[in-house]
Each structure stands twice: as structure tokens, then as C-alpha cells.
Amino acid sequence: MTNATAMLTALGDPTRQAILERLTDGPLAVGQLADVLPVSRPAVSQHLKVLKDVGLVTDRQDGTRRLYSVDPDGLAVLRAHLDGFWERSLAAFQQHANQDRERPDHDRDN
């Protein structure tokens, strides 16, 4: 499984999507995330571990707590993957459109 595939798999969970979205506003501790999500602190920690393992989140010690942030490098990997998917899809669409244009139009003869 590629790193981008692992990231997409991790983001298949709505709670992890919500965590990542919250972290786009800035670093947060587990407790701060748990306060605004319908899951427990231990569940938030588990979700953060998954996001960290695939490279979407980083953490750092801040006194007695650990702050989690979005990893811009991880997001860049995911974005590059999605951009490539988009470019391949557009190229396939263009190729299909060009093939349709090159086919003789039998309706004109009738």
C-alpha cells in the first residue's frame, strides 16, 4: 500500500476526518479535541496515532501535554496523489473526446 493509499484509508473514518479538519486551525492537545468530538480521550488518541502513522499529523511535547498538528509534508504527498489522479482522469476524458471527434459521423449521411 502506498503512503497516499494509507492516508486515504485513514481518512475513510469520519472521526479522523473531523480531527484533521480541527487541526487545520492550529495545534491542539488530545483533551481539546475530545472536548469537541463525540468520542473519548482514549479514542481520540487512537485516531491520532493512525493519522500520525500515515504521516498526516505530527506531535510535539508542550510542557505536560502533547500538541498535535497537521503535517504539511504529509498533506503534500496526499495532494500530489490526488493531483495525479485528476490529471490522469482529465487526460482519459480528452482522449475519449478526441476519439469521438475522429469517428465518422454516420448520421450526417442520412
N, C-alpha and C. Protein backbone atom coordinates (compact mmCIF):
# COMPACT_ATOMS: atom_id res chain seq x y z
N MET A 1 0.86 -1.17 0.00
CA MET A 1 0.00 0.00 0.00
C MET A 1 0.90 1.23 0.00
N THR A 2 0.65 2.15 -0.94
CA THR A 2 1.44 3.38 -0.98
C THR A 2 1.07 4.26 0.20
N ASN A 3 1.92 5.22 0.48
CA ASN A 3 1.65 6.12 1.59
C ASN A 3 0.35 6.90 1.35
N ALA A 4 0.13 7.34 0.11
CA ALA A 4 -1.11 8.08 -0.19
C ALA A 4 -2.32 7.18 0.00
N THR A 5 -2.20 5.91 -0.38
CA THR A 5 -3.31 4.98 -0.19
C THR A 5 -3.59 4.79 1.29
N ALA A 6 -2.54 4.67 2.09
CA ALA A 6 -2.71 4.54 3.54
C ALA A 6 -3.38 5.79 4.12
N MET A 7 -3.00 6.95 3.59
CA MET A 7 -3.61 8.20 4.06
C MET A 7 -5.09 8.23 3.74
N LEU A 8 -5.44 7.85 2.52
CA LEU A 8 -6.84 7.84 2.12
C LEU A 8 -7.64 6.84 2.95
N THR A 9 -7.03 5.70 3.22
CA THR A 9 -7.69 4.69 4.05
C THR A 9 -7.93 5.26 5.45
N ALA A 10 -6.92 5.92 6.01
CA ALA A 10 -7.06 6.51 7.34
C ALA A 10 -8.16 7.57 7.35
N LEU A 11 -8.27 8.32 6.28
CA LEU A 11 -9.28 9.38 6.21
C LEU A 11 -10.66 8.85 5.86
N GLY A 12 -10.77 7.54 5.67
CA GLY A 12 -12.08 6.94 5.44
C GLY A 12 -12.94 6.95 6.70
N ASP A 13 -12.34 7.23 7.82
CA ASP A 13 -13.07 7.29 9.09
C ASP A 13 -13.51 8.72 9.36
N PRO A 14 -14.80 8.95 9.57
CA PRO A 14 -15.29 10.32 9.79
C PRO A 14 -14.68 11.02 11.00
N THR A 15 -14.37 10.27 12.05
CA THR A 15 -13.76 10.89 13.22
C THR A 15 -12.36 11.40 12.89
N ARG A 16 -11.60 10.62 12.12
CA ARG A 16 -10.26 11.07 11.73
C ARG A 16 -10.35 12.28 10.81
N GLN A 17 -11.36 12.30 9.95
CA GLN A 17 -11.56 13.48 9.10
C GLN A 17 -11.82 14.70 9.97
N ALA A 18 -12.67 14.54 10.98
CA ALA A 18 -13.00 15.66 11.86
C ALA A 18 -11.78 16.13 12.64
N ILE A 19 -10.96 15.19 13.09
CA ILE A 19 -9.73 15.55 13.82
C ILE A 19 -8.80 16.34 12.91
N LEU A 20 -8.58 15.83 11.70
CA LEU A 20 -7.68 16.53 10.77
C LEU A 20 -8.22 17.92 10.46
N GLU A 21 -9.52 18.02 10.27
CA GLU A 21 -10.12 19.33 9.99
C GLU A 21 -9.91 20.30 11.15
N ARG A 22 -10.09 19.81 12.37
CA ARG A 22 -9.88 20.68 13.55
C ARG A 22 -8.42 21.14 13.63
N LEU A 23 -7.51 20.23 13.28
CA LEU A 23 -6.09 20.57 13.38
C LEU A 23 -5.63 21.55 12.30
N THR A 24 -6.42 21.76 11.27
CA THR A 24 -6.03 22.74 10.25
C THR A 24 -6.06 24.16 10.81
N ASP A 25 -6.77 24.36 11.91
CA ASP A 25 -6.80 25.69 12.54
C ASP A 25 -5.61 25.93 13.46
N GLY A 26 -4.85 24.88 13.75
CA GLY A 26 -3.68 25.03 14.62
C GLY A 26 -3.54 23.84 15.54
N PRO A 27 -2.41 23.78 16.25
CA PRO A 27 -2.13 22.64 17.13
C PRO A 27 -3.13 22.54 18.28
N LEU A 28 -3.46 21.29 18.61
CA LEU A 28 -4.37 21.03 19.72
C LEU A 28 -3.90 19.81 20.49
N ALA A 29 -4.27 19.77 21.77
CA ALA A 29 -4.00 18.61 22.62
C ALA A 29 -5.16 17.63 22.51
N VAL A 30 -4.91 16.41 22.96
CA VAL A 30 -5.95 15.37 22.90
C VAL A 30 -7.22 15.84 23.62
N GLY A 31 -7.07 16.41 24.79
CA GLY A 31 -8.23 16.86 25.56
C GLY A 31 -9.05 17.91 24.82
N GLN A 32 -8.37 18.82 24.16
CA GLN A 32 -9.07 19.86 23.40
C GLN A 32 -9.88 19.23 22.25
N LEU A 33 -9.31 18.23 21.62
CA LEU A 33 -10.03 17.54 20.55
C LEU A 33 -11.20 16.75 21.11
N ALA A 34 -10.98 16.06 22.22
CA ALA A 34 -12.04 15.24 22.83
C ALA A 34 -13.21 16.11 23.29
N ASP A 35 -12.92 17.34 23.69
CA ASP A 35 -13.99 18.24 24.15
C ASP A 35 -14.97 18.60 23.04
N VAL A 36 -14.52 18.56 21.78
CA VAL A 36 -15.40 18.98 20.68
C VAL A 36 -15.83 17.82 19.79
N LEU A 37 -15.42 16.61 20.15
CA LEU A 37 -15.79 15.43 19.35
C LEU A 37 -16.61 14.47 20.21
N PRO A 38 -17.46 13.68 19.58
CA PRO A 38 -18.31 12.76 20.34
C PRO A 38 -17.62 11.43 20.68
N VAL A 39 -16.31 11.50 20.98
CA VAL A 39 -15.55 10.31 21.35
C VAL A 39 -14.69 10.61 22.57
N SER A 40 -14.25 9.57 23.24
CA SER A 40 -13.46 9.72 24.46
C SER A 40 -12.02 10.13 24.14
N ARG A 41 -11.31 10.56 25.18
CA ARG A 41 -9.89 10.89 25.02
C ARG A 41 -9.09 9.70 24.50
N PRO A 42 -9.29 8.50 25.07
CA PRO A 42 -8.53 7.35 24.54
C PRO A 42 -8.83 7.09 23.06
N ALA A 43 -10.08 7.28 22.65
CA ALA A 43 -10.43 7.09 21.24
C ALA A 43 -9.74 8.15 20.37
N VAL A 44 -9.71 9.39 20.83
CA VAL A 44 -9.02 10.45 20.09
C VAL A 44 -7.54 10.10 19.97
N SER A 45 -6.95 9.62 21.04
CA SER A 45 -5.54 9.23 21.00
C SER A 45 -5.29 8.14 19.97
N GLN A 46 -6.18 7.17 19.90
CA GLN A 46 -6.03 6.09 18.92
C GLN A 46 -6.15 6.63 17.49
N HIS A 47 -7.10 7.51 17.27
CA HIS A 47 -7.26 8.11 15.94
C HIS A 47 -6.03 8.95 15.56
N LEU A 48 -5.50 9.68 16.53
CA LEU A 48 -4.31 10.48 16.28
C LEU A 48 -3.11 9.58 15.95
N LYS A 49 -3.02 8.44 16.59
CA LYS A 49 -1.94 7.50 16.29
C LYS A 49 -2.02 7.03 14.84
N VAL A 50 -3.22 6.73 14.39
CA VAL A 50 -3.40 6.30 13.00
C VAL A 50 -2.98 7.42 12.06
N LEU A 51 -3.44 8.63 12.32
CA LEU A 51 -3.09 9.78 11.47
C LEU A 51 -1.59 10.05 11.49
N LYS A 52 -0.97 9.88 12.64
CA LYS A 52 0.47 10.08 12.75
C LYS A 52 1.23 8.98 12.01
N ASP A 53 0.77 7.76 12.14
CA ASP A 53 1.44 6.62 11.49
C ASP A 53 1.45 6.74 9.97
N VAL A 54 0.42 7.36 9.38
CA VAL A 54 0.38 7.51 7.92
C VAL A 54 1.00 8.82 7.46
N GLY A 55 1.40 9.67 8.40
CA GLY A 55 2.12 10.89 8.05
C GLY A 55 1.27 12.12 7.86
N LEU A 56 0.05 12.11 8.36
CA LEU A 56 -0.81 13.29 8.22
C LEU A 56 -0.73 14.23 9.42
N VAL A 57 -0.22 13.73 10.54
CA VAL A 57 -0.19 14.51 11.78
C VAL A 57 1.19 14.35 12.43
N THR A 58 1.64 15.41 13.05
CA THR A 58 2.86 15.36 13.86
C THR A 58 2.49 15.75 15.28
N ASP A 59 3.39 15.49 16.21
CA ASP A 59 3.15 15.90 17.59
C ASP A 59 4.44 16.43 18.19
N ARG A 60 4.26 17.23 19.24
CA ARG A 60 5.40 17.75 19.98
C ARG A 60 4.99 17.96 21.42
N GLN A 61 5.95 17.81 22.29
CA GLN A 61 5.72 18.00 23.71
C GLN A 61 5.62 19.49 24.01
N ASP A 62 4.64 19.87 24.82
CA ASP A 62 4.46 21.27 25.25
C ASP A 62 4.18 21.24 26.75
N GLY A 63 5.22 21.29 27.54
CA GLY A 63 5.05 21.17 28.99
C GLY A 63 4.58 19.76 29.33
N THR A 64 3.42 19.68 29.96
CA THR A 64 2.89 18.38 30.38
C THR A 64 1.96 17.75 29.35
N ARG A 65 1.74 18.45 28.27
CA ARG A 65 0.83 17.89 27.25
C ARG A 65 1.53 17.77 25.90
N ARG A 66 0.90 17.00 25.05
CA ARG A 66 1.41 16.79 23.69
C ARG A 66 0.45 17.49 22.73
N LEU A 67 1.01 18.33 21.85
CA LEU A 67 0.20 19.05 20.87
C LEU A 67 0.33 18.36 19.51
N TYR A 68 -0.78 18.24 18.85
CA TYR A 68 -0.84 17.61 17.53
C TYR A 68 -1.13 18.66 16.47
N SER A 69 -0.47 18.50 15.32
CA SER A 69 -0.62 19.44 14.21
C SER A 69 -0.72 18.66 12.91
N VAL A 70 -1.28 19.31 11.91
CA VAL A 70 -1.27 18.74 10.56
C VAL A 70 0.16 18.76 10.05
N ASP A 71 0.58 17.67 9.42
CA ASP A 71 1.92 17.60 8.84
C ASP A 71 1.84 18.08 7.39
N PRO A 72 2.39 19.27 7.08
CA PRO A 72 2.29 19.80 5.72
C PRO A 72 2.95 18.89 4.68
N ASP A 73 4.01 18.19 5.07
CA ASP A 73 4.66 17.27 4.14
C ASP A 73 3.74 16.11 3.78
N GLY A 74 3.03 15.62 4.77
CA GLY A 74 2.07 14.54 4.53
C GLY A 74 0.94 15.00 3.62
N LEU A 75 0.44 16.19 3.88
CA LEU A 75 -0.62 16.72 3.02
C LEU A 75 -0.13 16.92 1.60
N ALA A 76 1.14 17.28 1.44
CA ALA A 76 1.71 17.45 0.10
C ALA A 76 1.74 16.12 -0.65
N VAL A 77 2.06 15.04 0.05
CA VAL A 77 2.05 13.71 -0.57
C VAL A 77 0.64 13.36 -1.03
N LEU A 78 -0.33 13.60 -0.15
CA LEU A 78 -1.72 13.30 -0.48
C LEU A 78 -2.20 14.17 -1.64
N ARG A 79 -1.86 15.42 -1.62
CA ARG A 79 -2.26 16.33 -2.69
C ARG A 79 -1.66 15.91 -4.03
N ALA A 80 -0.38 15.54 -4.03
CA ALA A 80 0.28 15.10 -5.26
C ALA A 80 -0.41 13.85 -5.82
N HIS A 81 -0.80 12.96 -4.93
CA HIS A 81 -1.51 11.75 -5.36
C HIS A 81 -2.85 12.11 -6.01
N LEU A 82 -3.60 12.97 -5.35
CA LEU A 82 -4.91 13.37 -5.89
C LEU A 82 -4.76 14.20 -7.16
N ASP A 83 -3.74 15.05 -7.23
CA ASP A 83 -3.49 15.81 -8.46
C ASP A 83 -3.18 14.86 -9.62
N GLY A 84 -2.38 13.83 -9.36
CA GLY A 84 -2.06 12.85 -10.40
C GLY A 84 -3.30 12.11 -10.87
N PHE A 85 -4.16 11.75 -9.93
CA PHE A 85 -5.42 11.09 -10.27
C PHE A 85 -6.27 12.01 -11.15
N TRP A 86 -6.35 13.26 -10.78
CA TRP A 86 -7.14 14.24 -11.53
C TRP A 86 -6.57 14.42 -12.94
N GLU A 87 -5.26 14.55 -13.05
CA GLU A 87 -4.62 14.74 -14.36
C GLU A 87 -4.84 13.53 -15.26
N ARG A 88 -4.73 12.32 -14.69
CA ARG A 88 -4.97 11.10 -15.49
C ARG A 88 -6.43 11.03 -15.94
N SER A 89 -7.34 11.42 -15.07
CA SER A 89 -8.75 11.40 -15.43
C SER A 89 -9.07 12.39 -16.54
N LEU A 90 -8.50 13.59 -16.44
CA LEU A 90 -8.71 14.59 -17.49
C LEU A 90 -8.10 14.13 -18.81
N ALA A 91 -6.92 13.52 -18.76
CA ALA A 91 -6.27 13.03 -19.99
C ALA A 91 -7.11 11.93 -20.63
N ALA A 92 -7.68 11.04 -19.83
CA ALA A 92 -8.53 9.98 -20.36
C ALA A 92 -9.80 10.57 -20.98
N PHE A 93 -10.35 11.59 -20.34
CA PHE A 93 -11.54 12.24 -20.89
C PHE A 93 -11.21 12.91 -22.22
N GLN A 94 -10.07 13.59 -22.28
CA GLN A 94 -9.66 14.25 -23.52
C GLN A 94 -9.44 13.23 -24.63
N GLN A 95 -8.81 12.12 -24.30
CA GLN A 95 -8.57 11.08 -25.30
C GLN A 95 -9.90 10.53 -25.82
N HIS A 96 -10.84 10.30 -24.94
CA HIS A 96 -12.16 9.81 -25.34
C HIS A 96 -12.87 10.84 -26.22
N ALA A 97 -12.79 12.10 -25.85
CA ALA A 97 -13.44 13.16 -26.65
C ALA A 97 -12.81 13.25 -28.03
N ASN A 98 -11.49 13.13 -28.10
CA ASN A 98 -10.80 13.17 -29.40
C ASN A 98 -11.18 11.98 -30.26
N GLN A 99 -11.34 10.82 -29.68
CA GLN A 99 -11.74 9.64 -30.43
C GLN A 99 -13.15 9.82 -31.00
N ASP A 100 -14.04 10.39 -30.21
CA ASP A 100 -15.40 10.65 -30.69
C ASP A 100 -15.38 11.63 -31.86
N ARG A 101 -14.52 12.63 -31.79
CA ARG A 101 -14.42 13.64 -32.84
C ARG A 101 -13.87 13.03 -34.14
N GLU A 102 -12.97 12.07 -34.01
CA GLU A 102 -12.33 11.46 -35.17
C GLU A 102 -13.18 10.40 -35.85
N ARG A 103 -14.19 9.88 -35.16
CA ARG A 103 -15.05 8.85 -35.76
C ARG A 103 -15.93 9.47 -36.82
N PRO A 104 -16.11 8.76 -37.92
CA PRO A 104 -17.04 9.28 -38.94
C PRO A 104 -18.45 9.36 -38.36
N ASP A 105 -19.11 10.43 -38.68
CA ASP A 105 -20.46 10.62 -38.18
C ASP A 105 -21.45 10.04 -39.19
N HIS A 106 -21.98 8.89 -38.88
CA HIS A 106 -22.88 8.20 -39.81
C HIS A 106 -24.22 8.92 -39.93
N ASP A 107 -24.58 9.72 -38.96
CA ASP A 107 -25.86 10.41 -39.01
C ASP A 107 -25.88 11.50 -40.07
N ARG A 108 -24.74 12.04 -40.44
CA ARG A 108 -24.71 13.10 -41.46
C ARG A 108 -25.09 12.57 -42.84
N ASP A 109 -24.78 11.31 -43.08
CA ASP A 109 -25.05 10.72 -44.40
C ASP A 109 -26.54 10.43 -44.59
N ASN A 110 -27.30 10.38 -43.55
CA ASN A 110 -28.72 10.00 -43.68
C ASN A 110 -29.61 11.19 -43.85
